[in-house]
Amino acid sequence: MPISPVPGLTPSAASRSMTGEMSEGAATANAPEIPDKLFFRIGEVSTMLGLEPYVLRYWETEFPSLSPKKSGTGHRLYRRKDVELLLKIKHLLYEKRFTIDGARQYLHDEAKSAHAKDSKQEQQVLFSDPLPEIRRELAEILKMLK
């Protein structure tokens, strides 16, 4: 095993801890394949993620955006977006070494910036200059009339 600059860590883990970053490609490369199903039970999700069910139940209390539906018999039913969120939470906590509060804040800020980006794009569409599009459509109509 090569010598690591940080005792007890492999070189790749040491470089990750020094830079504080892990590429998104590397994060998704380790992610398990999510089957094409509508709902997953807590046992299936815990097996997929390699976590105990009590960890998932605890994360439900700590992350407000994580809210699986419950079946008529009271079983938790996770949707695909819930499983993807759990994968992201696991990555933040276990690989990027965020605290629970830090991961919650990161996810909140990420959602906020995505919402701001979406609303800015909507405004650009709403308030863009319609004249070039109207001219192009009129030119097409004129071609059809000739």
N, C-alpha and C. Protein backbone atom coordinates (compact mmCIF):
# COMPACT_ATOMS: atom_id res chain seq x y z
N MET A 1 0.86 -1.19 0.00
CA MET A 1 0.00 0.00 0.00
C MET A 1 0.89 1.24 0.00
N PRO A 2 0.65 2.20 -0.91
CA PRO A 2 1.47 3.42 -0.96
C PRO A 2 1.30 4.23 0.32
N ILE A 3 2.32 5.02 0.59
CA ILE A 3 2.29 5.85 1.80
C ILE A 3 1.33 7.01 1.59
N SER A 4 0.51 7.22 2.60
CA SER A 4 -0.49 8.27 2.54
C SER A 4 -0.01 9.46 3.34
N PRO A 5 -0.27 10.70 2.87
CA PRO A 5 0.13 11.87 3.65
C PRO A 5 -0.65 11.99 4.97
N VAL A 6 -1.78 11.33 5.07
CA VAL A 6 -2.57 11.34 6.30
C VAL A 6 -2.54 9.92 6.85
N PRO A 7 -1.99 9.70 8.06
CA PRO A 7 -1.89 8.34 8.59
C PRO A 7 -3.27 7.69 8.69
N GLY A 8 -3.33 6.42 8.29
CA GLY A 8 -4.56 5.66 8.41
C GLY A 8 -5.51 5.78 7.24
N LEU A 9 -5.18 6.62 6.26
CA LEU A 9 -6.05 6.78 5.10
C LEU A 9 -5.33 6.32 3.84
N THR A 10 -6.08 5.77 2.92
CA THR A 10 -5.50 5.43 1.63
C THR A 10 -5.20 6.74 0.90
N PRO A 11 -4.33 6.72 -0.10
CA PRO A 11 -4.01 7.96 -0.82
C PRO A 11 -5.23 8.65 -1.41
N SER A 12 -6.18 7.88 -1.97
CA SER A 12 -7.35 8.52 -2.55
C SER A 12 -8.21 9.16 -1.47
N ALA A 13 -8.36 8.49 -0.33
CA ALA A 13 -9.15 9.06 0.76
C ALA A 13 -8.44 10.28 1.34
N ALA A 14 -7.10 10.22 1.42
CA ALA A 14 -6.36 11.35 1.95
C ALA A 14 -6.50 12.56 1.04
N SER A 15 -6.38 12.34 -0.27
CA SER A 15 -6.51 13.48 -1.18
C SER A 15 -7.90 14.05 -1.13
N ARG A 16 -8.91 13.18 -0.95
CA ARG A 16 -10.29 13.66 -0.83
C ARG A 16 -10.45 14.48 0.43
N SER A 17 -9.85 14.03 1.53
CA SER A 17 -10.02 14.75 2.77
C SER A 17 -9.27 16.07 2.74
N MET A 18 -8.14 16.12 2.01
CA MET A 18 -7.39 17.37 1.94
C MET A 18 -8.10 18.40 1.06
N THR A 19 -8.67 17.96 -0.05
CA THR A 19 -9.33 18.91 -0.93
C THR A 19 -10.75 19.18 -0.47
N GLY A 20 -11.31 18.23 0.30
CA GLY A 20 -12.68 18.42 0.76
C GLY A 20 -13.70 18.14 -0.32
N GLU A 21 -13.27 17.72 -1.47
CA GLU A 21 -14.19 17.51 -2.59
C GLU A 21 -14.06 16.09 -3.10
N MET A 22 -15.14 15.63 -3.67
CA MET A 22 -15.13 14.36 -4.40
C MET A 22 -15.94 14.63 -5.64
N SER A 23 -15.40 14.24 -6.76
CA SER A 23 -16.10 14.54 -7.99
C SER A 23 -17.47 13.88 -7.99
N GLU A 24 -18.44 14.54 -8.64
CA GLU A 24 -19.79 13.99 -8.72
C GLU A 24 -19.77 12.67 -9.49
N GLY A 25 -18.88 12.56 -10.47
CA GLY A 25 -18.77 11.32 -11.23
C GLY A 25 -18.36 10.16 -10.33
N ALA A 26 -17.42 10.43 -9.42
CA ALA A 26 -16.99 9.39 -8.49
C ALA A 26 -18.11 9.04 -7.52
N ALA A 27 -18.89 10.04 -7.14
CA ALA A 27 -20.00 9.79 -6.21
C ALA A 27 -21.06 8.92 -6.86
N THR A 28 -21.37 9.19 -8.12
CA THR A 28 -22.40 8.41 -8.79
C THR A 28 -21.88 7.06 -9.24
N ALA A 29 -20.55 6.93 -9.40
CA ALA A 29 -19.99 5.65 -9.80
C ALA A 29 -20.17 4.62 -8.69
N ASN A 30 -20.12 5.08 -7.43
CA ASN A 30 -20.30 4.18 -6.29
C ASN A 30 -21.77 3.94 -5.98
N ALA A 31 -22.66 4.70 -6.57
CA ALA A 31 -24.08 4.61 -6.27
C ALA A 31 -24.65 3.32 -6.85
N PRO A 32 -25.50 2.65 -6.08
CA PRO A 32 -26.11 1.42 -6.59
C PRO A 32 -27.14 1.73 -7.68
N GLU A 33 -27.40 0.75 -8.51
CA GLU A 33 -28.42 0.88 -9.55
C GLU A 33 -29.79 0.84 -8.88
N ILE A 34 -30.61 1.84 -9.18
CA ILE A 34 -31.95 1.90 -8.60
C ILE A 34 -32.90 1.20 -9.57
N PRO A 35 -33.57 0.13 -9.12
CA PRO A 35 -34.50 -0.58 -10.02
C PRO A 35 -35.63 0.33 -10.49
N ASP A 36 -36.21 0.00 -11.63
CA ASP A 36 -37.29 0.80 -12.21
C ASP A 36 -38.62 0.37 -11.59
N LYS A 37 -38.89 0.90 -10.40
CA LYS A 37 -40.13 0.60 -9.68
C LYS A 37 -40.73 1.91 -9.20
N LEU A 38 -42.02 1.91 -8.90
CA LEU A 38 -42.66 3.11 -8.38
C LEU A 38 -42.34 3.31 -6.90
N PHE A 39 -42.41 2.25 -6.11
CA PHE A 39 -42.21 2.35 -4.68
C PHE A 39 -41.25 1.29 -4.18
N PHE A 40 -40.54 1.62 -3.11
CA PHE A 40 -39.60 0.70 -2.47
C PHE A 40 -39.92 0.66 -0.98
N ARG A 41 -39.86 -0.52 -0.40
CA ARG A 41 -40.05 -0.65 1.04
C ARG A 41 -38.73 -0.33 1.74
N ILE A 42 -38.81 -0.05 3.02
CA ILE A 42 -37.62 0.38 3.77
C ILE A 42 -36.53 -0.69 3.76
N GLY A 43 -36.91 -1.97 3.77
CA GLY A 43 -35.91 -3.04 3.73
C GLY A 43 -35.14 -3.05 2.41
N GLU A 44 -35.86 -2.82 1.31
CA GLU A 44 -35.21 -2.77 0.00
C GLU A 44 -34.24 -1.59 -0.08
N VAL A 45 -34.67 -0.45 0.43
CA VAL A 45 -33.83 0.75 0.38
C VAL A 45 -32.61 0.59 1.26
N SER A 46 -32.80 0.02 2.45
CA SER A 46 -31.66 -0.16 3.36
C SER A 46 -30.64 -1.12 2.76
N THR A 47 -31.10 -2.16 2.06
CA THR A 47 -30.19 -3.09 1.40
C THR A 47 -29.46 -2.40 0.26
N MET A 48 -30.19 -1.61 -0.53
CA MET A 48 -29.59 -0.89 -1.66
C MET A 48 -28.48 0.05 -1.19
N LEU A 49 -28.74 0.77 -0.09
CA LEU A 49 -27.80 1.77 0.39
C LEU A 49 -26.75 1.20 1.35
N GLY A 50 -26.97 0.00 1.83
CA GLY A 50 -26.02 -0.59 2.78
C GLY A 50 -26.13 0.05 4.15
N LEU A 51 -27.33 0.46 4.53
CA LEU A 51 -27.58 1.09 5.82
C LEU A 51 -28.66 0.31 6.56
N GLU A 52 -28.70 0.48 7.86
CA GLU A 52 -29.74 -0.15 8.66
C GLU A 52 -31.03 0.66 8.54
N PRO A 53 -32.19 0.01 8.64
CA PRO A 53 -33.46 0.74 8.55
C PRO A 53 -33.62 1.86 9.58
N TYR A 54 -33.06 1.67 10.79
CA TYR A 54 -33.20 2.71 11.81
C TYR A 54 -32.48 4.00 11.40
N VAL A 55 -31.43 3.88 10.57
CA VAL A 55 -30.72 5.07 10.08
C VAL A 55 -31.64 5.85 9.14
N LEU A 56 -32.34 5.12 8.27
CA LEU A 56 -33.27 5.78 7.35
C LEU A 56 -34.39 6.46 8.11
N ARG A 57 -34.92 5.80 9.12
CA ARG A 57 -36.00 6.40 9.92
C ARG A 57 -35.49 7.65 10.65
N TYR A 58 -34.25 7.61 11.14
CA TYR A 58 -33.67 8.77 11.81
C TYR A 58 -33.50 9.93 10.82
N TRP A 59 -33.01 9.63 9.63
CA TRP A 59 -32.82 10.68 8.62
C TRP A 59 -34.15 11.33 8.25
N GLU A 60 -35.23 10.56 8.30
CA GLU A 60 -36.55 11.15 8.02
C GLU A 60 -36.87 12.26 9.01
N THR A 61 -36.43 12.11 10.26
CA THR A 61 -36.69 13.14 11.27
C THR A 61 -35.78 14.34 11.09
N GLU A 62 -34.60 14.13 10.51
CA GLU A 62 -33.62 15.21 10.39
C GLU A 62 -33.69 15.99 9.08
N PHE A 63 -34.21 15.38 8.04
CA PHE A 63 -34.26 16.03 6.73
C PHE A 63 -35.72 16.19 6.32
N PRO A 64 -36.26 17.41 6.39
CA PRO A 64 -37.68 17.63 6.09
C PRO A 64 -38.07 17.28 4.65
N SER A 65 -37.14 17.35 3.73
CA SER A 65 -37.48 17.04 2.33
C SER A 65 -37.63 15.53 2.11
N LEU A 66 -37.24 14.74 3.07
CA LEU A 66 -37.36 13.29 2.97
C LEU A 66 -38.62 12.85 3.69
N SER A 67 -39.63 12.49 2.91
CA SER A 67 -40.90 12.10 3.55
C SER A 67 -41.56 10.98 2.74
N PRO A 68 -41.21 9.72 3.05
CA PRO A 68 -41.84 8.62 2.33
C PRO A 68 -43.32 8.51 2.69
N LYS A 69 -44.09 8.02 1.75
CA LYS A 69 -45.51 7.79 2.01
C LYS A 69 -45.63 6.53 2.84
N LYS A 70 -46.77 6.37 3.49
CA LYS A 70 -47.01 5.14 4.25
C LYS A 70 -48.18 4.40 3.61
N SER A 71 -48.04 3.09 3.54
CA SER A 71 -49.10 2.26 2.96
C SER A 71 -50.24 2.15 3.96
N GLY A 72 -51.30 1.50 3.55
CA GLY A 72 -52.44 1.30 4.44
C GLY A 72 -52.07 0.51 5.69
N THR A 73 -51.05 -0.33 5.57
CA THR A 73 -50.61 -1.13 6.72
C THR A 73 -49.51 -0.44 7.52
N GLY A 74 -49.14 0.77 7.11
CA GLY A 74 -48.15 1.54 7.87
C GLY A 74 -46.71 1.36 7.40
N HIS A 75 -46.48 0.58 6.36
CA HIS A 75 -45.12 0.42 5.84
C HIS A 75 -44.70 1.66 5.08
N ARG A 76 -43.42 2.04 5.26
CA ARG A 76 -42.89 3.19 4.52
C ARG A 76 -42.69 2.80 3.06
N LEU A 77 -43.14 3.67 2.18
CA LEU A 77 -42.97 3.46 0.74
C LEU A 77 -42.17 4.63 0.17
N TYR A 78 -40.93 4.34 -0.21
CA TYR A 78 -40.05 5.37 -0.76
C TYR A 78 -40.21 5.42 -2.27
N ARG A 79 -40.30 6.63 -2.80
CA ARG A 79 -40.33 6.82 -4.25
C ARG A 79 -38.89 6.92 -4.75
N ARG A 80 -38.73 6.91 -6.06
CA ARG A 80 -37.39 7.00 -6.64
C ARG A 80 -36.68 8.28 -6.20
N LYS A 81 -37.41 9.39 -6.15
CA LYS A 81 -36.76 10.66 -5.76
C LYS A 81 -36.31 10.60 -4.30
N ASP A 82 -37.03 9.85 -3.45
CA ASP A 82 -36.61 9.67 -2.06
C ASP A 82 -35.31 8.87 -1.99
N VAL A 83 -35.22 7.83 -2.81
CA VAL A 83 -34.01 6.99 -2.82
C VAL A 83 -32.83 7.81 -3.33
N GLU A 84 -33.05 8.62 -4.36
CA GLU A 84 -31.96 9.47 -4.88
C GLU A 84 -31.52 10.48 -3.82
N LEU A 85 -32.47 11.03 -3.08
CA LEU A 85 -32.13 11.96 -2.00
C LEU A 85 -31.35 11.24 -0.91
N LEU A 86 -31.75 10.03 -0.58
CA LEU A 86 -31.02 9.25 0.43
C LEU A 86 -29.59 8.97 -0.02
N LEU A 87 -29.42 8.68 -1.30
CA LEU A 87 -28.06 8.48 -1.83
C LEU A 87 -27.22 9.75 -1.68
N LYS A 88 -27.84 10.89 -1.96
CA LYS A 88 -27.12 12.16 -1.82
C LYS A 88 -26.77 12.44 -0.35
N ILE A 89 -27.72 12.17 0.54
CA ILE A 89 -27.48 12.37 1.98
C ILE A 89 -26.35 11.45 2.44
N LYS A 90 -26.39 10.20 2.03
CA LYS A 90 -25.34 9.25 2.41
C LYS A 90 -23.99 9.74 1.91
N HIS A 91 -23.95 10.23 0.67
CA HIS A 91 -22.69 10.75 0.11
C HIS A 91 -22.18 11.93 0.94
N LEU A 92 -23.07 12.85 1.28
CA LEU A 92 -22.66 14.02 2.06
C LEU A 92 -22.15 13.63 3.44
N LEU A 93 -22.85 12.71 4.10
CA LEU A 93 -22.49 12.35 5.47
C LEU A 93 -21.29 11.42 5.55
N TYR A 94 -21.24 10.41 4.71
CA TYR A 94 -20.21 9.38 4.84
C TYR A 94 -18.97 9.66 4.02
N GLU A 95 -19.11 10.30 2.87
CA GLU A 95 -17.94 10.51 2.02
C GLU A 95 -17.40 11.93 2.10
N LYS A 96 -18.29 12.91 2.15
CA LYS A 96 -17.82 14.29 2.27
C LYS A 96 -17.68 14.70 3.73
N ARG A 97 -18.15 13.83 4.63
CA ARG A 97 -18.00 14.00 6.09
C ARG A 97 -18.71 15.24 6.63
N PHE A 98 -19.86 15.57 6.06
CA PHE A 98 -20.68 16.66 6.57
C PHE A 98 -21.32 16.22 7.88
N THR A 99 -21.65 17.19 8.73
CA THR A 99 -22.51 16.89 9.87
C THR A 99 -23.95 16.85 9.37
N ILE A 100 -24.86 16.38 10.22
CA ILE A 100 -26.27 16.34 9.83
C ILE A 100 -26.74 17.77 9.52
N ASP A 101 -26.40 18.71 10.40
CA ASP A 101 -26.79 20.11 10.17
C ASP A 101 -26.18 20.66 8.88
N GLY A 102 -24.93 20.33 8.64
CA GLY A 102 -24.26 20.80 7.43
C GLY A 102 -24.89 20.22 6.17
N ALA A 103 -25.23 18.94 6.21
CA ALA A 103 -25.87 18.31 5.05
C ALA A 103 -27.25 18.90 4.82
N ARG A 104 -27.99 19.13 5.90
CA ARG A 104 -29.33 19.74 5.77
C ARG A 104 -29.22 21.12 5.15
N GLN A 105 -28.25 21.91 5.60
CA GLN A 105 -28.05 23.27 5.06
C GLN A 105 -27.62 23.20 3.60
N TYR A 106 -26.74 22.27 3.27
CA TYR A 106 -26.27 22.11 1.89
C TYR A 106 -27.44 21.79 0.96
N LEU A 107 -28.28 20.84 1.37
CA LEU A 107 -29.43 20.47 0.54
C LEU A 107 -30.42 21.62 0.42
N HIS A 108 -30.61 22.37 1.51
CA HIS A 108 -31.51 23.52 1.48
C HIS A 108 -30.99 24.58 0.51
N ASP A 109 -29.69 24.88 0.60
CA ASP A 109 -29.09 25.88 -0.29
C ASP A 109 -29.13 25.43 -1.74
N GLU A 110 -28.90 24.13 -1.97
CA GLU A 110 -28.94 23.59 -3.33
C GLU A 110 -30.34 23.73 -3.92
N ALA A 111 -31.36 23.42 -3.13
CA ALA A 111 -32.74 23.54 -3.61
C ALA A 111 -33.09 25.00 -3.86
N LYS A 112 -32.62 25.88 -2.98
CA LYS A 112 -32.89 27.31 -3.12
C LYS A 112 -32.25 27.86 -4.40
N SER A 113 -31.00 27.48 -4.68
CA SER A 113 -30.33 27.98 -5.88
C SER A 113 -30.98 27.40 -7.14
N ALA A 114 -31.44 26.15 -7.08
CA ALA A 114 -32.12 25.56 -8.24
C ALA A 114 -33.43 26.29 -8.50
N HIS A 115 -34.14 26.65 -7.44
CA HIS A 115 -35.40 27.37 -7.59
C HIS A 115 -35.15 28.77 -8.17
N ALA A 116 -34.11 29.45 -7.69
CA ALA A 116 -33.78 30.78 -8.19
C ALA A 116 -33.39 30.71 -9.67
N LYS A 117 -32.66 29.67 -10.04
CA LYS A 117 -32.25 29.50 -11.43
C LYS A 117 -33.47 29.27 -12.33
N ASP A 118 -34.40 28.42 -11.86
CA ASP A 118 -35.62 28.14 -12.63
C ASP A 118 -36.46 29.39 -12.81
N SER A 119 -36.63 30.17 -11.74
CA SER A 119 -37.46 31.37 -11.84
C SER A 119 -36.80 32.42 -12.74
N LYS A 120 -35.47 32.47 -12.74
CA LYS A 120 -34.76 33.41 -13.61
C LYS A 120 -34.96 33.02 -15.08
N GLN A 121 -34.91 31.72 -15.38
CA GLN A 121 -35.14 31.26 -16.74
C GLN A 121 -36.58 31.56 -17.18
N GLU A 122 -37.54 31.38 -16.26
CA GLU A 122 -38.93 31.68 -16.58
C GLU A 122 -39.10 33.17 -16.90
N GLN A 123 -38.44 34.03 -16.13
CA GLN A 123 -38.53 35.46 -16.37
C GLN A 123 -37.93 35.82 -17.72
N GLN A 124 -36.82 35.17 -18.08
CA GLN A 124 -36.21 35.45 -19.38
C GLN A 124 -37.16 35.08 -20.51
N VAL A 125 -37.86 33.97 -20.35
CA VAL A 125 -38.81 33.55 -21.38
C VAL A 125 -39.99 34.52 -21.43
N LEU A 126 -40.50 34.92 -20.27
CA LEU A 126 -41.66 35.81 -20.22
C LEU A 126 -41.34 37.20 -20.74
N PHE A 127 -40.15 37.70 -20.43
CA PHE A 127 -39.84 39.08 -20.76
C PHE A 127 -38.87 39.21 -21.93
N SER A 128 -38.66 38.13 -22.68
CA SER A 128 -37.78 38.23 -23.84
C SER A 128 -38.51 38.99 -24.95
N ASP A 129 -37.75 39.52 -25.88
CA ASP A 129 -38.31 40.32 -26.98
C ASP A 129 -39.03 39.39 -27.96
N PRO A 130 -40.35 39.54 -28.13
CA PRO A 130 -41.10 38.64 -29.00
C PRO A 130 -41.01 39.02 -30.48
N LEU A 131 -40.49 40.19 -30.79
CA LEU A 131 -40.48 40.66 -32.18
C LEU A 131 -39.72 39.75 -33.15
N PRO A 132 -38.54 39.26 -32.83
CA PRO A 132 -37.86 38.38 -33.79
C PRO A 132 -38.68 37.13 -34.12
N GLU A 133 -39.31 36.56 -33.13
CA GLU A 133 -40.14 35.37 -33.36
C GLU A 133 -41.35 35.71 -34.22
N ILE A 134 -41.97 36.85 -33.98
CA ILE A 134 -43.14 37.28 -34.78
C ILE A 134 -42.71 37.52 -36.23
N ARG A 135 -41.56 38.17 -36.42
CA ARG A 135 -41.06 38.43 -37.77
C ARG A 135 -40.81 37.12 -38.52
N ARG A 136 -40.21 36.15 -37.82
CA ARG A 136 -39.91 34.87 -38.45
C ARG A 136 -41.21 34.16 -38.85
N GLU A 137 -42.21 34.16 -37.95
CA GLU A 137 -43.49 33.52 -38.26
C GLU A 137 -44.20 34.23 -39.42
N LEU A 138 -44.14 35.56 -39.47
CA LEU A 138 -44.76 36.30 -40.57
C LEU A 138 -44.05 36.00 -41.90
N ALA A 139 -42.76 35.84 -41.86
CA ALA A 139 -42.00 35.51 -43.06
C ALA A 139 -42.41 34.12 -43.57
N GLU A 140 -42.62 33.19 -42.64
CA GLU A 140 -43.07 31.85 -43.03
C GLU A 140 -44.47 31.90 -43.66
N ILE A 141 -45.35 32.69 -43.07
CA ILE A 141 -46.71 32.84 -43.61
C ILE A 141 -46.67 33.45 -45.00
N LEU A 142 -45.80 34.45 -45.17
CA LEU A 142 -45.66 35.11 -46.47
C LEU A 142 -45.16 34.12 -47.54
N LYS A 143 -44.22 33.25 -47.14
CA LYS A 143 -43.74 32.21 -48.07
C LYS A 143 -44.87 31.29 -48.48
N MET A 144 -45.72 30.90 -47.53
CA MET A 144 -46.83 29.99 -47.83
C MET A 144 -47.85 30.64 -48.74
N LEU A 145 -48.03 31.96 -48.60
CA LEU A 145 -49.01 32.67 -49.44
C LEU A 145 -48.50 32.86 -50.87
N LYS A 146 -47.22 32.88 -51.09
CA LYS A 146 -46.66 33.09 -52.44
C LYS A 146 -46.79 31.88 -53.31
